[in-house]
Amino acid sequence: MTAIPGVGAFAIVPSNDVTIALAFWERLGFARIGGDHHYHIMEGWGCEVHLTQAGAPPWDVPAHNPFGVYLRTPDVAAIAALVDDLVIRPGGILRHREWGLYEVGINGPDGLLVRIGWPSELIENA
């Protein structure tokens, strides 16, 4: 019997070098669960992200990457520990934000902003 997929919205992230992007998401704890050699579906931490090789304008990734991905998961601290060297400093360090989220910001492939967070009120001992 085929499992019924969960409802959700997932980012499709273009990359100038999809091999580097795959390695980055694997380091975050994601695994490739589908796709083909041009399109990769990654899943981890209860989230899903789709990766694709960037192409010619307007689908290329410029020097100043306008894209960002937000992962909402209670495992913020565990993920941040995996990629401490990629944390955007000083502003991206793991902390409670004034908008009510316990959050970290990291620098992804091609300058992709990746924020990972969970509501502060739901974080125990943080």
C-alpha atoms as a PDB file:
ATOM      1  CA  MET A   1       0.000   0.000   0.000  1.00  0.00           C
ATOM      2  CA  THR A   2       1.346   3.439  -0.941  1.00  0.00           C
ATOM      3  CA  ALA A   3       1.655   5.956   1.894  1.00  0.00           C
ATOM      4  CA  ILE A   4      -0.465   9.073   1.558  1.00  0.00           C
ATOM      5  CA  PRO A   5       1.790  12.151   1.417  1.00  0.00           C
ATOM      6  CA  GLY A   6       1.287  14.961   3.893  1.00  0.00           C
ATOM      7  CA  VAL A   7      -0.231  18.250   2.860  1.00  0.00           C
ATOM      8  CA  GLY A   8       2.226  21.142   2.643  1.00  0.00           C
ATOM      9  CA  ALA A   9       4.022  23.752   0.634  1.00  0.00           C
ATOM     10  CA  PHE A  10       7.633  23.072  -0.281  1.00  0.00           C
ATOM     11  CA  ALA A  11      10.366  25.325  -1.610  1.00  0.00           C
ATOM     12  CA  ILE A  12      11.853  24.644  -5.034  1.00  0.00           C
ATOM     13  CA  VAL A  13      15.417  25.930  -4.732  1.00  0.00           C
ATOM     14  CA  PRO A  14      17.559  26.533  -7.819  1.00  0.00           C
ATOM     15  CA  SER A  15      21.316  26.164  -7.420  1.00  0.00           C
ATOM     16  CA  ASN A  16      24.261  27.045  -9.627  1.00  0.00           C
ATOM     17  CA  ASP A  17      25.840  23.720  -8.613  1.00  0.00           C
ATOM     18  CA  VAL A  18      23.250  21.141  -7.615  1.00  0.00           C
ATOM     19  CA  THR A  19      25.974  18.715  -6.441  1.00  0.00           C
ATOM     20  CA  ILE A  20      27.057  21.237  -3.794  1.00  0.00           C
ATOM     21  CA  ALA A  21      23.409  21.873  -2.879  1.00  0.00           C
ATOM     22  CA  LEU A  22      22.750  18.144  -2.417  1.00  0.00           C
ATOM     23  CA  ALA A  23      25.771  17.834  -0.101  1.00  0.00           C
ATOM     24  CA  PHE A  24      24.606  20.870   1.905  1.00  0.00           C
ATOM     25  CA  TRP A  25      21.095  19.482   2.474  1.00  0.00           C
ATOM     26  CA  GLU A  26      22.495  16.046   3.314  1.00  0.00           C
ATOM     27  CA  ARG A  27      24.723  17.708   5.929  1.00  0.00           C
ATOM     28  CA  LEU A  28      21.574  19.265   7.415  1.00  0.00           C
ATOM     29  CA  GLY A  29      20.185  15.739   7.810  1.00  0.00           C
ATOM     30  CA  PHE A  30      18.076  15.506   4.650  1.00  0.00           C
ATOM     31  CA  ALA A  31      17.981  12.483   2.345  1.00  0.00           C
ATOM     32  CA  ARG A  32      17.064  12.269  -1.316  1.00  0.00           C
ATOM     33  CA  ILE A  33      13.682  10.550  -1.616  1.00  0.00           C
ATOM     34  CA  GLY A  34      12.855  11.129  -5.276  1.00  0.00           C
ATOM     35  CA  GLY A  35      13.234  13.059  -8.461  1.00  0.00           C
ATOM     36  CA  ASP A  36      15.607  12.539 -11.363  1.00  0.00           C
ATOM     37  CA  HIS A  37      19.056  13.836 -12.379  1.00  0.00           C
ATOM     38  CA  HIS A  38      17.656  17.378 -12.937  1.00  0.00           C
ATOM     39  CA  TYR A  39      15.253  17.601  -9.998  1.00  0.00           C
ATOM     40  CA  HIS A  40      15.891  16.281  -6.493  1.00  0.00           C
ATOM     41  CA  ILE A  41      13.336  15.831  -3.696  1.00  0.00           C
ATOM     42  CA  MET A  42      14.963  15.968  -0.264  1.00  0.00           C
ATOM     43  CA  GLU A  43      13.323  15.146   3.059  1.00  0.00           C
ATOM     44  CA  GLY A  44      14.490  15.594   6.641  1.00  0.00           C
ATOM     45  CA  TRP A  45      13.462  16.844  10.098  1.00  0.00           C
ATOM     46  CA  GLY A  46       9.806  16.581   9.072  1.00  0.00           C
ATOM     47  CA  CYS A  47      10.385  18.978   6.154  1.00  0.00           C
ATOM     48  CA  GLU A  48      10.807  18.682   2.401  1.00  0.00           C
ATOM     49  CA  VAL A  49      12.801  20.772  -0.081  1.00  0.00           C
ATOM     50  CA  HIS A  50      13.099  20.357  -3.848  1.00  0.00           C
ATOM     51  CA  LEU A  51      16.388  21.168  -5.589  1.00  0.00           C
ATOM     52  CA  THR A  52      16.964  21.971  -9.223  1.00  0.00           C
ATOM     53  CA  GLN A  53      19.933  23.021 -11.310  1.00  0.00           C
ATOM     54  CA  ALA A  54      19.739  26.738 -12.109  1.00  0.00           C
ATOM     55  CA  GLY A  55      19.662  27.609 -15.768  1.00  0.00           C
ATOM     56  CA  ALA A  56      19.927  30.630 -17.985  1.00  0.00           C
ATOM     57  CA  PRO A  57      18.322  33.955 -16.962  1.00  0.00           C
ATOM     58  CA  PRO A  58      15.857  34.496 -15.493  1.00  0.00           C
ATOM     59  CA  TRP A  59      16.301  31.102 -13.795  1.00  0.00           C
ATOM     60  CA  ASP A  60      19.963  31.554 -12.867  1.00  0.00           C
ATOM     61  CA  VAL A  61      21.050  32.339  -9.307  1.00  0.00           C
ATOM     62  CA  PRO A  62      22.652  35.804  -9.234  1.00  0.00           C
ATOM     63  CA  ALA A  63      25.640  36.806  -7.101  1.00  0.00           C
ATOM     64  CA  HIS A  64      23.219  38.202  -4.496  1.00  0.00           C
ATOM     65  CA  ASN A  65      20.848  35.281  -4.019  1.00  0.00           C
ATOM     66  CA  PRO A  66      17.273  36.529  -3.460  1.00  0.00           C
ATOM     67  CA  PHE A  67      16.010  33.129  -2.263  1.00  0.00           C
ATOM     68  CA  GLY A  68      15.440  31.942   1.280  1.00  0.00           C
ATOM     69  CA  VAL A  69      14.062  28.823   2.942  1.00  0.00           C
ATOM     70  CA  TYR A  70      12.505  28.562   6.396  1.00  0.00           C
ATOM     71  CA  LEU A  71      12.422  25.202   8.172  1.00  0.00           C
ATOM     72  CA  ARG A  72       9.994  25.021  11.076  1.00  0.00           C
ATOM     73  CA  THR A  73      10.990  22.176  13.360  1.00  0.00           C
ATOM     74  CA  PRO A  74      11.442  21.617  17.102  1.00  0.00           C
ATOM     75  CA  ASP A  75      14.915  20.219  16.345  1.00  0.00           C
ATOM     76  CA  VAL A  76      16.456  23.696  15.873  1.00  0.00           C
ATOM     77  CA  ALA A  77      19.354  23.217  18.310  1.00  0.00           C
ATOM     78  CA  ALA A  78      20.293  19.788  16.907  1.00  0.00           C
ATOM     79  CA  ILE A  79      20.423  21.113  13.339  1.00  0.00           C
ATOM     80  CA  ALA A  80      22.348  24.231  14.390  1.00  0.00           C
ATOM     81  CA  ALA A  81      24.958  22.015  16.054  1.00  0.00           C
ATOM     82  CA  LEU A  82      25.478  20.130  12.772  1.00  0.00           C
ATOM     83  CA  VAL A  83      26.322  23.309  10.863  1.00  0.00           C
ATOM     84  CA  ASP A  84      27.815  25.703  13.414  1.00  0.00           C
ATOM     85  CA  ASP A  85      30.469  26.798  10.885  1.00  0.00           C
ATOM     86  CA  LEU A  86      27.714  27.988   8.501  1.00  0.00           C
ATOM     87  CA  VAL A  87      25.850  30.163  11.028  1.00  0.00           C
ATOM     88  CA  ILE A  88      25.534  33.761   9.855  1.00  0.00           C
ATOM     89  CA  ARG A  89      27.389  35.784  12.483  1.00  0.00           C
ATOM     90  CA  PRO A  90      26.670  37.773  14.455  1.00  0.00           C
ATOM     91  CA  GLY A  91      22.962  38.085  13.608  1.00  0.00           C
ATOM     92  CA  GLY A  92      22.135  34.475  12.798  1.00  0.00           C
ATOM     93  CA  ILE A  93      23.238  32.817  16.013  1.00  0.00           C
ATOM     94  CA  LEU A  94      20.785  30.483  17.730  1.00  0.00           C
ATOM     95  CA  ARG A  95      18.608  32.527  20.078  1.00  0.00           C
ATOM     96  CA  HIS A  96      15.092  33.554  20.989  1.00  0.00           C
ATOM     97  CA  ARG A  97      13.929  36.328  18.637  1.00  0.00           C
ATOM     98  CA  GLU A  98      11.669  39.209  19.530  1.00  0.00           C
ATOM     99  CA  TRP A  99       9.064  37.832  17.114  1.00  0.00           C
ATOM    100  CA  GLY A 100       8.607  34.734  19.306  1.00  0.00           C
ATOM    101  CA  LEU A 101      10.777  32.156  17.535  1.00  0.00           C
ATOM    102  CA  TYR A 102      13.836  30.235  18.712  1.00  0.00           C
ATOM    103  CA  GLU A 103      15.833  30.502  15.530  1.00  0.00           C
ATOM    104  CA  VAL A 104      19.179  30.191  13.752  1.00  0.00           C
ATOM    105  CA  GLY A 105      20.221  31.587  10.351  1.00  0.00           C
ATOM    106  CA  ILE A 106      22.722  29.765   8.165  1.00  0.00           C
ATOM    107  CA  ASN A 107      24.402  30.454   4.853  1.00  0.00           C
ATOM    108  CA  GLY A 108      23.455  27.872   2.242  1.00  0.00           C
ATOM    109  CA  PRO A 109      24.758  27.181  -1.273  1.00  0.00           C
ATOM    110  CA  ASP A 110      24.951  30.233  -3.555  1.00  0.00           C
ATOM    111  CA  GLY A 111      24.281  32.483  -0.543  1.00  0.00           C
ATOM    112  CA  LEU A 112      20.861  30.941   0.129  1.00  0.00           C
ATOM    113  CA  LEU A 113      19.476  32.147   3.473  1.00  0.00           C
ATOM    114  CA  VAL A 114      18.268  29.155   5.477  1.00  0.00           C
ATOM    115  CA  ARG A 115      16.491  29.927   8.725  1.00  0.00           C
ATOM    116  CA  ILE A 116      15.484  27.190  11.107  1.00  0.00           C
ATOM    117  CA  GLY A 117      13.095  27.875  13.949  1.00  0.00           C
ATOM    118  CA  TRP A 118      10.358  26.864  16.323  1.00  0.00           C
ATOM    119  CA  PRO A 119       8.047  28.908  18.587  1.00  0.00           C
ATOM    120  CA  SER A 120       9.987  30.009  21.693  1.00  0.00           C
ATOM    121  CA  GLU A 121       7.101  29.110  23.978  1.00  0.00           C
ATOM    122  CA  LEU A 122       7.356  25.470  22.831  1.00  0.00           C
ATOM    123  CA  ILE A 123      11.116  25.114  23.405  1.00  0.00           C
ATOM    124  CA  GLU A 124      12.033  23.446  26.686  1.00  0.00           C
ATOM    125  CA  ASN A 125      15.219  24.501  28.531  1.00  0.00           C
ATOM    126  CA  ALA A 126      16.410  26.839  25.783  1.00  0.00           C
END
